[in-house]
Amino acid sequence: MPERRAKMRCYALAGALAGLLAFGQAALAQETTAIGIVGADVGMNVLDFDSARSSFFYQNDRDGDFALSFDEMSEAMAHGGARLFDGYDLDGDGLISFEEYVESGTELFQSLDADGDGVLSSLEM
């Protein structure tokens, strides 16, 4: 069972990374354009990362219960939602609570921040 959970978390992290790549690149493009440093590698700190993930969570919590159901997550991710859902539903209750979602994000950020500087560069994302 621990091996299955670890495998599911890996799938979840991979799925989350795919979603964050698109969001992160758009956020970086906006930020660099806003300060006039087009093409600079500004990076995404943990606050920006958490903000992007929180925004995703709240936009997809259609019923407002502060949890993502399997259907909500599947709709949000279009494909591969089942694997992602299993990896985030840490207590196996059929819902991804905000707490479970935040915990998985902390692990994801730390795993992506290869140099440990607290900022995800475009290469790390």
C-alpha atoms as a PDB file:
ATOM      1  CA  MET A   1       0.000   0.000   0.000  1.00  0.00           C
ATOM      2  CA  PRO A   2       2.779   2.557   0.769  1.00  0.00           C
ATOM      3  CA  GLU A   3       4.310   1.836  -2.651  1.00  0.00           C
ATOM      4  CA  ARG A   4       0.975   2.460  -4.378  1.00  0.00           C
ATOM      5  CA  ARG A   5       0.518   5.724  -2.483  1.00  0.00           C
ATOM      6  CA  ALA A   6       4.055   6.830  -3.400  1.00  0.00           C
ATOM      7  CA  LYS A   7       3.395   5.970  -7.047  1.00  0.00           C
ATOM      8  CA  MET A   8       0.103   7.869  -7.011  1.00  0.00           C
ATOM      9  CA  ARG A   9       1.803  10.901  -5.469  1.00  0.00           C
ATOM     10  CA  CYS A  10       4.401  10.820  -8.242  1.00  0.00           C
ATOM     11  CA  TYR A  11       1.604  10.814 -10.817  1.00  0.00           C
ATOM     12  CA  ALA A  12      -0.061  13.681  -8.978  1.00  0.00           C
ATOM     13  CA  LEU A  13       3.125  15.698  -8.868  1.00  0.00           C
ATOM     14  CA  ALA A  14       3.708  15.126 -12.575  1.00  0.00           C
ATOM     15  CA  GLY A  15       0.162  16.214 -13.416  1.00  0.00           C
ATOM     16  CA  ALA A  16       0.407  19.270 -11.210  1.00  0.00           C
ATOM     17  CA  LEU A  17       3.693  20.209 -12.814  1.00  0.00           C
ATOM     18  CA  ALA A  18       2.134  20.084 -16.270  1.00  0.00           C
ATOM     19  CA  GLY A  19      -0.622  22.465 -15.183  1.00  0.00           C
ATOM     20  CA  LEU A  20       1.761  24.774 -13.379  1.00  0.00           C
ATOM     21  CA  LEU A  21       4.147  24.951 -16.316  1.00  0.00           C
ATOM     22  CA  ALA A  22       1.489  26.580 -18.437  1.00  0.00           C
ATOM     23  CA  PHE A  23       0.379  28.896 -15.646  1.00  0.00           C
ATOM     24  CA  GLY A  24       3.930  29.689 -14.509  1.00  0.00           C
ATOM     25  CA  GLN A  25       5.149  30.574 -17.967  1.00  0.00           C
ATOM     26  CA  ALA A  26       2.183  32.894 -18.466  1.00  0.00           C
ATOM     27  CA  ALA A  27       2.806  34.505 -15.062  1.00  0.00           C
ATOM     28  CA  LEU A  28       6.506  34.941 -15.834  1.00  0.00           C
ATOM     29  CA  ALA A  29       5.706  36.508 -19.188  1.00  0.00           C
ATOM     30  CA  GLN A  30       3.319  38.982 -17.558  1.00  0.00           C
ATOM     31  CA  GLU A  31       5.751  39.843 -14.782  1.00  0.00           C
ATOM     32  CA  THR A  32       8.733  40.363 -17.056  1.00  0.00           C
ATOM     33  CA  THR A  33       6.698  42.451 -19.460  1.00  0.00           C
ATOM     34  CA  ALA A  34       5.335  44.558 -16.610  1.00  0.00           C
ATOM     35  CA  ILE A  35       8.820  45.480 -15.405  1.00  0.00           C
ATOM     36  CA  GLY A  36      10.291  45.793 -18.876  1.00  0.00           C
ATOM     37  CA  ILE A  37      12.755  42.910 -18.700  1.00  0.00           C
ATOM     38  CA  VAL A  38      11.467  40.800 -21.541  1.00  0.00           C
ATOM     39  CA  GLY A  39      13.134  37.396 -21.609  1.00  0.00           C
ATOM     40  CA  ALA A  40      14.659  37.651 -18.123  1.00  0.00           C
ATOM     41  CA  ASP A  41      14.621  34.533 -15.956  1.00  0.00           C
ATOM     42  CA  VAL A  42      12.736  35.988 -12.990  1.00  0.00           C
ATOM     43  CA  GLY A  43      11.496  32.714 -11.564  1.00  0.00           C
ATOM     44  CA  MET A  44       8.561  31.841  -9.358  1.00  0.00           C
ATOM     45  CA  ASN A  45       8.949  31.989  -5.593  1.00  0.00           C
ATOM     46  CA  VAL A  46       6.953  29.877  -3.170  1.00  0.00           C
ATOM     47  CA  LEU A  47       4.366  32.645  -2.649  1.00  0.00           C
ATOM     48  CA  ASP A  48       3.690  32.930  -6.381  1.00  0.00           C
ATOM     49  CA  PHE A  49       3.580  29.143  -6.646  1.00  0.00           C
ATOM     50  CA  ASP A  50       1.099  28.859  -3.761  1.00  0.00           C
ATOM     51  CA  SER A  51      -0.976  31.687  -5.202  1.00  0.00           C
ATOM     52  CA  ALA A  52      -1.199  29.965  -8.595  1.00  0.00           C
ATOM     53  CA  ARG A  53      -2.187  26.670  -6.970  1.00  0.00           C
ATOM     54  CA  SER A  54      -4.761  28.334  -4.691  1.00  0.00           C
ATOM     55  CA  SER A  55      -6.278  30.098  -7.678  1.00  0.00           C
ATOM     56  CA  PHE A  56      -6.538  26.766  -9.514  1.00  0.00           C
ATOM     57  CA  PHE A  57      -8.161  25.143  -6.480  1.00  0.00           C
ATOM     58  CA  TYR A  58     -10.789  27.836  -5.946  1.00  0.00           C
ATOM     59  CA  GLN A  59     -11.615  28.174  -9.632  1.00  0.00           C
ATOM     60  CA  ASN A  60     -12.318  24.465  -9.843  1.00  0.00           C
ATOM     61  CA  ASP A  61     -14.164  24.015  -6.537  1.00  0.00           C
ATOM     62  CA  ARG A  62     -17.475  24.454  -8.355  1.00  0.00           C
ATOM     63  CA  ASP A  63     -19.719  23.673  -5.380  1.00  0.00           C
ATOM     64  CA  GLY A  64     -17.764  25.828  -2.906  1.00  0.00           C
ATOM     65  CA  ASP A  65     -17.230  23.075  -0.308  1.00  0.00           C
ATOM     66  CA  PHE A  66     -13.456  23.774   0.005  1.00  0.00           C
ATOM     67  CA  ALA A  67     -12.689  20.369  -1.505  1.00  0.00           C
ATOM     68  CA  LEU A  68     -12.247  19.062  -5.018  1.00  0.00           C
ATOM     69  CA  SER A  69     -14.337  16.042  -5.941  1.00  0.00           C
ATOM     70  CA  PHE A  70     -13.210  13.505  -8.511  1.00  0.00           C
ATOM     71  CA  ASP A  71     -15.544  15.127 -11.070  1.00  0.00           C
ATOM     72  CA  GLU A  72     -14.247  18.639 -10.360  1.00  0.00           C
ATOM     73  CA  MET A  73     -10.622  17.535 -10.661  1.00  0.00           C
ATOM     74  CA  SER A  74     -11.277  15.465 -13.783  1.00  0.00           C
ATOM     75  CA  GLU A  75     -13.011  18.401 -15.441  1.00  0.00           C
ATOM     76  CA  ALA A  76     -10.178  20.741 -14.462  1.00  0.00           C
ATOM     77  CA  MET A  77      -7.455  18.447 -15.763  1.00  0.00           C
ATOM     78  CA  ALA A  78      -9.422  17.138 -18.787  1.00  0.00           C
ATOM     79  CA  HIS A  79      -7.202  14.046 -19.101  1.00  0.00           C
ATOM     80  CA  GLY A  80      -5.388  12.103 -16.417  1.00  0.00           C
ATOM     81  CA  GLY A  81      -7.538  13.444 -13.601  1.00  0.00           C
ATOM     82  CA  ALA A  82      -7.954  10.043 -11.964  1.00  0.00           C
ATOM     83  CA  ARG A  83      -4.233   9.582 -11.340  1.00  0.00           C
ATOM     84  CA  LEU A  84      -3.894  13.136 -10.122  1.00  0.00           C
ATOM     85  CA  PHE A  85      -6.931  12.761  -7.892  1.00  0.00           C
ATOM     86  CA  ASP A  86      -5.652   9.589  -6.231  1.00  0.00           C
ATOM     87  CA  GLY A  87      -2.317  11.219  -5.486  1.00  0.00           C
ATOM     88  CA  TYR A  88      -3.870  14.256  -3.796  1.00  0.00           C
ATOM     89  CA  ASP A  89      -6.624  12.433  -1.897  1.00  0.00           C
ATOM     90  CA  LEU A  90      -4.255  11.525   0.915  1.00  0.00           C
ATOM     91  CA  ASP A  91      -6.874  10.238   3.359  1.00  0.00           C
ATOM     92  CA  GLY A  92      -8.843   8.318   0.712  1.00  0.00           C
ATOM     93  CA  ASP A  93     -12.175   9.967   1.544  1.00  0.00           C
ATOM     94  CA  GLY A  94     -13.038  10.708  -2.088  1.00  0.00           C
ATOM     95  CA  LEU A  95     -12.315  14.446  -1.812  1.00  0.00           C
ATOM     96  CA  ILE A  96      -9.192  16.553  -2.057  1.00  0.00           C
ATOM     97  CA  SER A  97      -9.433  18.963   0.845  1.00  0.00           C
ATOM     98  CA  PHE A  98      -7.655  22.295   0.648  1.00  0.00           C
ATOM     99  CA  GLU A  99      -5.251  21.035   3.333  1.00  0.00           C
ATOM    100  CA  GLU A 100      -4.362  17.969   1.245  1.00  0.00           C
ATOM    101  CA  TYR A 101      -3.907  20.192  -1.788  1.00  0.00           C
ATOM    102  CA  VAL A 102      -1.613  22.602   0.083  1.00  0.00           C
ATOM    103  CA  GLU A 103       0.467  19.744   1.501  1.00  0.00           C
ATOM    104  CA  SER A 104       1.008  18.271  -1.952  1.00  0.00           C
ATOM    105  CA  GLY A 105       2.008  21.709  -3.264  1.00  0.00           C
ATOM    106  CA  THR A 106       4.673  22.104  -0.614  1.00  0.00           C
ATOM    107  CA  GLU A 107       6.156  18.755  -1.603  1.00  0.00           C
ATOM    108  CA  LEU A 108       5.932  19.637  -5.286  1.00  0.00           C
ATOM    109  CA  PHE A 109       7.694  22.991  -4.855  1.00  0.00           C
ATOM    110  CA  GLN A 110      10.501  21.426  -2.843  1.00  0.00           C
ATOM    111  CA  SER A 111      10.983  18.646  -5.382  1.00  0.00           C
ATOM    112  CA  LEU A 112      11.147  21.123  -8.276  1.00  0.00           C
ATOM    113  CA  ASP A 113      13.493  23.603  -6.555  1.00  0.00           C
ATOM    114  CA  ALA A 114      16.618  21.631  -7.501  1.00  0.00           C
ATOM    115  CA  ASP A 115      19.119  24.222  -6.280  1.00  0.00           C
ATOM    116  CA  GLY A 116      17.192  24.936  -3.069  1.00  0.00           C
ATOM    117  CA  ASP A 117      17.214  28.709  -3.551  1.00  0.00           C
ATOM    118  CA  GLY A 118      13.476  29.115  -2.927  1.00  0.00           C
ATOM    119  CA  VAL A 119      12.759  30.167  -6.511  1.00  0.00           C
ATOM    120  CA  LEU A 120      11.704  28.007  -9.445  1.00  0.00           C
ATOM    121  CA  SER A 121      13.639  29.106 -12.505  1.00  0.00           C
ATOM    122  CA  SER A 122      12.310  28.437 -15.990  1.00  0.00           C
ATOM    123  CA  LEU A 123      14.718  25.483 -16.162  1.00  0.00           C
ATOM    124  CA  GLU A 124      13.349  24.004 -12.934  1.00  0.00           C
ATOM    125  CA  MET A 125       9.764  24.396 -14.096  1.00  0.00           C
END
